[in-house]
């Protein structure tokens, strides 16, 4: 399992490296499917942060807002919620997405 997690983390890192590439959306879809099939849902928030970085590079505020919403949903149990959503929202230029998390 450790080797698989390391491979997935390396794949997510490559997505960040290639942020802004037109082919990234297909790679994200494939990795998202792989994570769902393998039951590795705990890694999905990390993938969403990589997706958010890609959307920041593209200056795609609408897609970034949707990603932040997915990230908020995926971290609704409080696990990493404040830090991950805050990191994505800072680049977006609005902390209103994380104001409700500050009291956790």
N, C-alpha and C. Protein backbone atom coordinates (compact mmCIF):
# COMPACT_ATOMS: atom_id res chain seq x y z
N UNK A 1 0.82 -1.19 0.00
CA UNK A 1 0.00 0.00 0.00
C UNK A 1 0.86 1.26 0.00
N UNK A 2 2.00 1.21 0.69
CA UNK A 2 2.87 2.39 0.76
C UNK A 2 3.39 2.75 -0.62
N UNK A 3 3.77 1.75 -1.40
CA UNK A 3 4.26 2.01 -2.76
C UNK A 3 3.16 2.63 -3.61
N UNK A 4 1.96 2.13 -3.47
CA UNK A 4 0.83 2.69 -4.25
C UNK A 4 0.57 4.14 -3.85
N UNK A 5 0.60 4.43 -2.55
CA UNK A 5 0.40 5.80 -2.08
C UNK A 5 1.50 6.71 -2.60
N UNK A 6 2.73 6.22 -2.59
CA UNK A 6 3.85 7.01 -3.11
C UNK A 6 3.67 7.30 -4.59
N UNK A 7 3.22 6.31 -5.33
CA UNK A 7 2.98 6.49 -6.77
C UNK A 7 1.87 7.51 -7.01
N UNK A 8 0.82 7.44 -6.22
CA UNK A 8 -0.28 8.39 -6.36
C UNK A 8 0.19 9.80 -6.01
N UNK A 9 0.95 9.93 -4.93
CA UNK A 9 1.48 11.25 -4.57
C UNK A 9 2.38 11.82 -5.66
N UNK A 10 3.19 10.96 -6.27
CA UNK A 10 4.05 11.41 -7.38
C UNK A 10 3.21 11.83 -8.58
N UNK A 11 2.12 11.12 -8.82
CA UNK A 11 1.21 11.48 -9.92
C UNK A 11 0.56 12.84 -9.66
N UNK A 12 0.14 13.06 -8.42
CA UNK A 12 -0.46 14.36 -8.07
C UNK A 12 0.58 15.46 -8.20
N UNK A 13 1.81 15.19 -7.79
CA UNK A 13 2.88 16.19 -7.93
C UNK A 13 3.12 16.52 -9.40
N UNK A 14 3.01 15.52 -10.26
CA UNK A 14 3.20 15.79 -11.70
C UNK A 14 2.06 16.65 -12.25
N UNK A 15 0.87 16.51 -11.67
CA UNK A 15 -0.24 17.37 -12.09
C UNK A 15 0.05 18.82 -11.73
N UNK A 16 0.61 19.03 -10.55
CA UNK A 16 0.97 20.39 -10.14
C UNK A 16 2.06 20.93 -11.05
N UNK A 17 3.03 20.11 -11.35
CA UNK A 17 4.12 20.51 -12.26
C UNK A 17 3.57 20.93 -13.62
N UNK A 18 2.56 20.23 -14.10
CA UNK A 18 2.03 20.47 -15.44
C UNK A 18 0.80 21.38 -15.44
N UNK A 19 0.56 22.08 -14.33
CA UNK A 19 -0.61 22.96 -14.23
C UNK A 19 -0.67 23.92 -15.41
N UNK A 20 -1.85 24.05 -15.96
CA UNK A 20 -2.07 24.91 -17.12
C UNK A 20 -2.09 24.16 -18.43
N UNK A 21 -1.66 22.91 -18.41
CA UNK A 21 -1.63 22.09 -19.62
C UNK A 21 -3.05 21.68 -20.02
N UNK A 22 -3.37 21.76 -21.32
CA UNK A 22 -4.71 21.37 -21.77
C UNK A 22 -5.04 19.89 -21.50
N UNK A 23 -4.04 19.04 -21.43
CA UNK A 23 -4.27 17.61 -21.23
C UNK A 23 -4.51 17.25 -19.77
N UNK A 24 -4.37 18.20 -18.88
CA UNK A 24 -4.45 17.91 -17.46
C UNK A 24 -5.83 17.41 -17.04
N UNK A 25 -6.87 17.95 -17.61
CA UNK A 25 -8.23 17.55 -17.22
C UNK A 25 -8.45 16.05 -17.43
N UNK A 26 -7.95 15.50 -18.53
CA UNK A 26 -8.10 14.06 -18.78
C UNK A 26 -7.33 13.25 -17.74
N UNK A 27 -6.14 13.71 -17.39
CA UNK A 27 -5.33 13.01 -16.39
C UNK A 27 -6.00 13.05 -15.02
N UNK A 28 -6.60 14.18 -14.69
CA UNK A 28 -7.30 14.31 -13.42
C UNK A 28 -8.49 13.35 -13.38
N UNK A 29 -9.25 13.30 -14.46
CA UNK A 29 -10.40 12.38 -14.51
C UNK A 29 -9.95 10.94 -14.31
N UNK A 30 -8.87 10.56 -14.98
CA UNK A 30 -8.36 9.19 -14.87
C UNK A 30 -7.91 8.88 -13.45
N UNK A 31 -7.20 9.82 -12.83
CA UNK A 31 -6.73 9.60 -11.46
C UNK A 31 -7.89 9.58 -10.48
N UNK A 32 -8.87 10.44 -10.68
CA UNK A 32 -10.05 10.47 -9.80
C UNK A 32 -10.77 9.11 -9.86
N UNK A 33 -10.91 8.57 -11.08
CA UNK A 33 -11.54 7.25 -11.25
C UNK A 33 -10.72 6.17 -10.56
N UNK A 34 -9.41 6.21 -10.74
CA UNK A 34 -8.52 5.23 -10.10
C UNK A 34 -8.66 5.27 -8.57
N UNK A 35 -8.71 6.48 -8.02
CA UNK A 35 -8.83 6.61 -6.56
C UNK A 35 -10.18 6.10 -6.08
N UNK A 36 -11.24 6.39 -6.82
CA UNK A 36 -12.58 5.90 -6.45
C UNK A 36 -12.64 4.38 -6.48
N UNK A 37 -12.13 3.78 -7.56
CA UNK A 37 -12.17 2.33 -7.72
C UNK A 37 -11.34 1.65 -6.62
N UNK A 38 -10.19 2.24 -6.29
CA UNK A 38 -9.32 1.66 -5.27
C UNK A 38 -9.79 1.95 -3.85
N UNK A 39 -10.80 2.82 -3.72
CA UNK A 39 -11.30 3.15 -2.40
C UNK A 39 -10.37 4.08 -1.62
N UNK A 40 -9.55 4.81 -2.32
CA UNK A 40 -8.58 5.71 -1.68
C UNK A 40 -9.13 7.13 -1.62
N UNK A 41 -10.29 7.25 -1.03
CA UNK A 41 -10.96 8.55 -0.99
C UNK A 41 -10.22 9.57 -0.13
N UNK A 42 -9.36 9.13 0.76
CA UNK A 42 -8.64 10.07 1.62
C UNK A 42 -7.63 10.91 0.84
N UNK A 43 -7.28 10.48 -0.36
CA UNK A 43 -6.30 11.20 -1.18
C UNK A 43 -6.99 12.24 -2.08
N UNK A 44 -8.28 12.11 -2.26
CA UNK A 44 -9.00 12.99 -3.18
C UNK A 44 -8.87 14.47 -2.82
N UNK A 45 -8.91 14.87 -1.55
CA UNK A 45 -8.70 16.30 -1.26
C UNK A 45 -7.34 16.82 -1.75
N UNK A 46 -6.32 15.99 -1.66
CA UNK A 46 -5.00 16.40 -2.17
C UNK A 46 -5.06 16.58 -3.68
N UNK A 47 -5.75 15.69 -4.36
CA UNK A 47 -5.95 15.84 -5.79
C UNK A 47 -6.68 17.13 -6.11
N UNK A 48 -7.69 17.46 -5.32
CA UNK A 48 -8.45 18.69 -5.56
C UNK A 48 -7.57 19.93 -5.40
N UNK A 49 -6.62 19.90 -4.48
CA UNK A 49 -5.69 21.03 -4.34
C UNK A 49 -4.86 21.18 -5.61
N UNK A 50 -4.42 20.07 -6.19
CA UNK A 50 -3.67 20.12 -7.45
C UNK A 50 -4.55 20.69 -8.56
N UNK A 51 -5.81 20.27 -8.58
CA UNK A 51 -6.76 20.79 -9.57
C UNK A 51 -6.94 22.30 -9.38
N UNK A 52 -7.05 22.72 -8.14
CA UNK A 52 -7.20 24.15 -7.85
C UNK A 52 -5.98 24.93 -8.35
N UNK A 53 -4.80 24.39 -8.15
CA UNK A 53 -3.59 25.05 -8.63
C UNK A 53 -3.64 25.21 -10.15
N UNK A 54 -4.07 24.18 -10.84
CA UNK A 54 -4.22 24.21 -12.30
C UNK A 54 -5.20 25.32 -12.70
N UNK A 55 -6.29 25.43 -11.98
CA UNK A 55 -7.30 26.44 -12.30
C UNK A 55 -6.80 27.85 -12.00
N UNK A 56 -5.96 27.99 -11.00
CA UNK A 56 -5.34 29.28 -10.71
C UNK A 56 -4.43 29.68 -11.86
N UNK A 57 -3.64 28.74 -12.34
CA UNK A 57 -2.75 29.02 -13.47
C UNK A 57 -3.55 29.46 -14.69
N UNK A 58 -4.69 28.83 -14.90
CA UNK A 58 -5.55 29.18 -16.03
C UNK A 58 -6.40 30.43 -15.77
N UNK A 59 -6.37 30.93 -14.53
CA UNK A 59 -7.19 32.06 -14.10
C UNK A 59 -8.67 31.77 -14.32
N UNK A 60 -9.07 30.54 -14.02
CA UNK A 60 -10.45 30.08 -14.21
C UNK A 60 -11.17 30.14 -12.86
N UNK A 61 -11.68 31.32 -12.52
CA UNK A 61 -12.31 31.53 -11.22
C UNK A 61 -13.57 30.69 -11.03
N UNK A 62 -14.33 30.48 -12.08
CA UNK A 62 -15.55 29.69 -11.97
C UNK A 62 -15.22 28.24 -11.61
N UNK A 63 -14.28 27.65 -12.32
CA UNK A 63 -13.88 26.27 -12.03
C UNK A 63 -13.24 26.17 -10.65
N UNK A 64 -12.46 27.18 -10.27
CA UNK A 64 -11.84 27.19 -8.95
C UNK A 64 -12.90 27.23 -7.85
N UNK A 65 -13.92 28.01 -8.04
CA UNK A 65 -15.01 28.05 -7.05
C UNK A 65 -15.67 26.69 -6.91
N UNK A 66 -15.86 25.99 -8.02
CA UNK A 66 -16.46 24.65 -7.98
C UNK A 66 -15.52 23.67 -7.26
N UNK A 67 -14.23 23.79 -7.51
CA UNK A 67 -13.26 22.91 -6.85
C UNK A 67 -13.24 23.17 -5.35
N UNK A 68 -13.27 24.44 -4.96
CA UNK A 68 -13.29 24.77 -3.53
C UNK A 68 -14.56 24.20 -2.89
N UNK A 69 -15.67 24.25 -3.59
CA UNK A 69 -16.92 23.68 -3.06
C UNK A 69 -16.78 22.17 -2.87
N UNK A 70 -16.18 21.48 -3.86
CA UNK A 70 -15.96 20.03 -3.73
C UNK A 70 -15.02 19.75 -2.56
N UNK A 71 -13.97 20.54 -2.45
CA UNK A 71 -13.00 20.36 -1.38
C UNK A 71 -13.65 20.57 -0.01
N UNK A 72 -14.50 21.56 0.09
CA UNK A 72 -15.22 21.81 1.34
C UNK A 72 -16.08 20.60 1.69
N UNK A 73 -16.76 20.04 0.69
CA UNK A 73 -17.61 18.86 0.92
C UNK A 73 -16.77 17.66 1.35
N UNK A 74 -15.64 17.46 0.69
CA UNK A 74 -14.79 16.30 0.98
C UNK A 74 -14.11 16.40 2.34
N UNK A 75 -13.99 17.60 2.85
CA UNK A 75 -13.35 17.79 4.16
C UNK A 75 -14.35 18.22 5.22
N UNK A 76 -15.62 17.92 5.00
CA UNK A 76 -16.67 18.36 5.92
C UNK A 76 -16.53 17.75 7.30
N UNK A 77 -15.78 16.67 7.42
CA UNK A 77 -15.56 16.07 8.74
C UNK A 77 -14.50 16.82 9.54
N UNK A 78 -13.93 17.87 8.92
CA UNK A 78 -12.94 18.68 9.62
C UNK A 78 -11.51 18.32 9.29
N UNK A 79 -11.27 17.19 8.66
CA UNK A 79 -9.93 16.76 8.34
C UNK A 79 -9.31 17.68 7.29
N UNK A 80 -8.34 18.42 7.69
CA UNK A 80 -7.61 19.35 6.82
C UNK A 80 -8.48 20.44 6.21
N UNK A 81 -9.72 20.53 6.61
CA UNK A 81 -10.65 21.45 5.96
C UNK A 81 -10.15 22.87 5.93
N UNK A 82 -9.75 23.37 7.05
CA UNK A 82 -9.37 24.78 7.12
C UNK A 82 -8.15 25.04 6.24
N UNK A 83 -7.11 24.23 6.38
CA UNK A 83 -5.87 24.50 5.65
C UNK A 83 -6.01 24.31 4.15
N UNK A 84 -6.68 23.26 3.71
CA UNK A 84 -6.79 23.02 2.27
C UNK A 84 -7.69 24.04 1.58
N UNK A 85 -8.85 24.29 2.16
CA UNK A 85 -9.77 25.25 1.56
C UNK A 85 -9.15 26.65 1.62
N UNK A 86 -8.50 26.98 2.73
CA UNK A 86 -7.86 28.29 2.86
C UNK A 86 -6.77 28.47 1.81
N UNK A 87 -5.96 27.47 1.60
CA UNK A 87 -4.88 27.58 0.61
C UNK A 87 -5.43 27.87 -0.77
N UNK A 88 -6.49 27.20 -1.15
CA UNK A 88 -7.09 27.42 -2.46
C UNK A 88 -7.76 28.79 -2.54
N UNK A 89 -8.39 29.19 -1.46
CA UNK A 89 -9.12 30.46 -1.46
C UNK A 89 -8.19 31.66 -1.44
N UNK A 90 -7.03 31.52 -0.83
CA UNK A 90 -6.09 32.64 -0.80
C UNK A 90 -5.70 33.06 -2.21
N UNK A 91 -5.44 32.11 -3.05
CA UNK A 91 -5.04 32.43 -4.42
C UNK A 91 -6.21 32.99 -5.20
N UNK A 92 -7.38 32.53 -4.87
CA UNK A 92 -8.58 33.03 -5.54
C UNK A 92 -8.81 34.49 -5.17
N UNK A 93 -8.29 34.88 -4.01
CA UNK A 93 -8.42 36.26 -3.58
C UNK A 93 -9.61 36.51 -2.68
N UNK A 94 -10.19 35.44 -2.17
CA UNK A 94 -11.36 35.60 -1.31
C UNK A 94 -11.30 34.60 -0.18
N UNK A 95 -11.30 35.11 1.04
CA UNK A 95 -11.33 34.22 2.19
C UNK A 95 -12.75 33.94 2.65
N UNK A 96 -13.74 34.47 1.95
CA UNK A 96 -15.12 34.21 2.35
C UNK A 96 -15.45 32.72 2.30
N UNK A 97 -14.71 31.97 1.47
CA UNK A 97 -14.93 30.53 1.37
C UNK A 97 -14.49 29.80 2.63
N UNK A 98 -13.65 30.42 3.45
CA UNK A 98 -13.13 29.73 4.63
C UNK A 98 -13.54 30.38 5.94
N UNK A 99 -14.24 31.49 5.90
CA UNK A 99 -14.62 32.17 7.13
C UNK A 99 -15.36 31.24 8.09
N UNK A 100 -16.23 30.39 7.56
CA UNK A 100 -17.03 29.51 8.41
C UNK A 100 -16.19 28.40 9.04
N UNK A 101 -14.97 28.18 8.57
CA UNK A 101 -14.13 27.11 9.11
C UNK A 101 -13.26 27.58 10.26
N UNK A 102 -13.12 28.86 10.45
CA UNK A 102 -12.19 29.41 11.43
C UNK A 102 -12.54 29.00 12.86
N UNK A 103 -13.79 28.72 13.15
CA UNK A 103 -14.20 28.38 14.51
C UNK A 103 -14.04 26.91 14.85
N UNK A 104 -13.56 26.11 13.93
CA UNK A 104 -13.42 24.66 14.17
C UNK A 104 -12.29 24.36 15.11
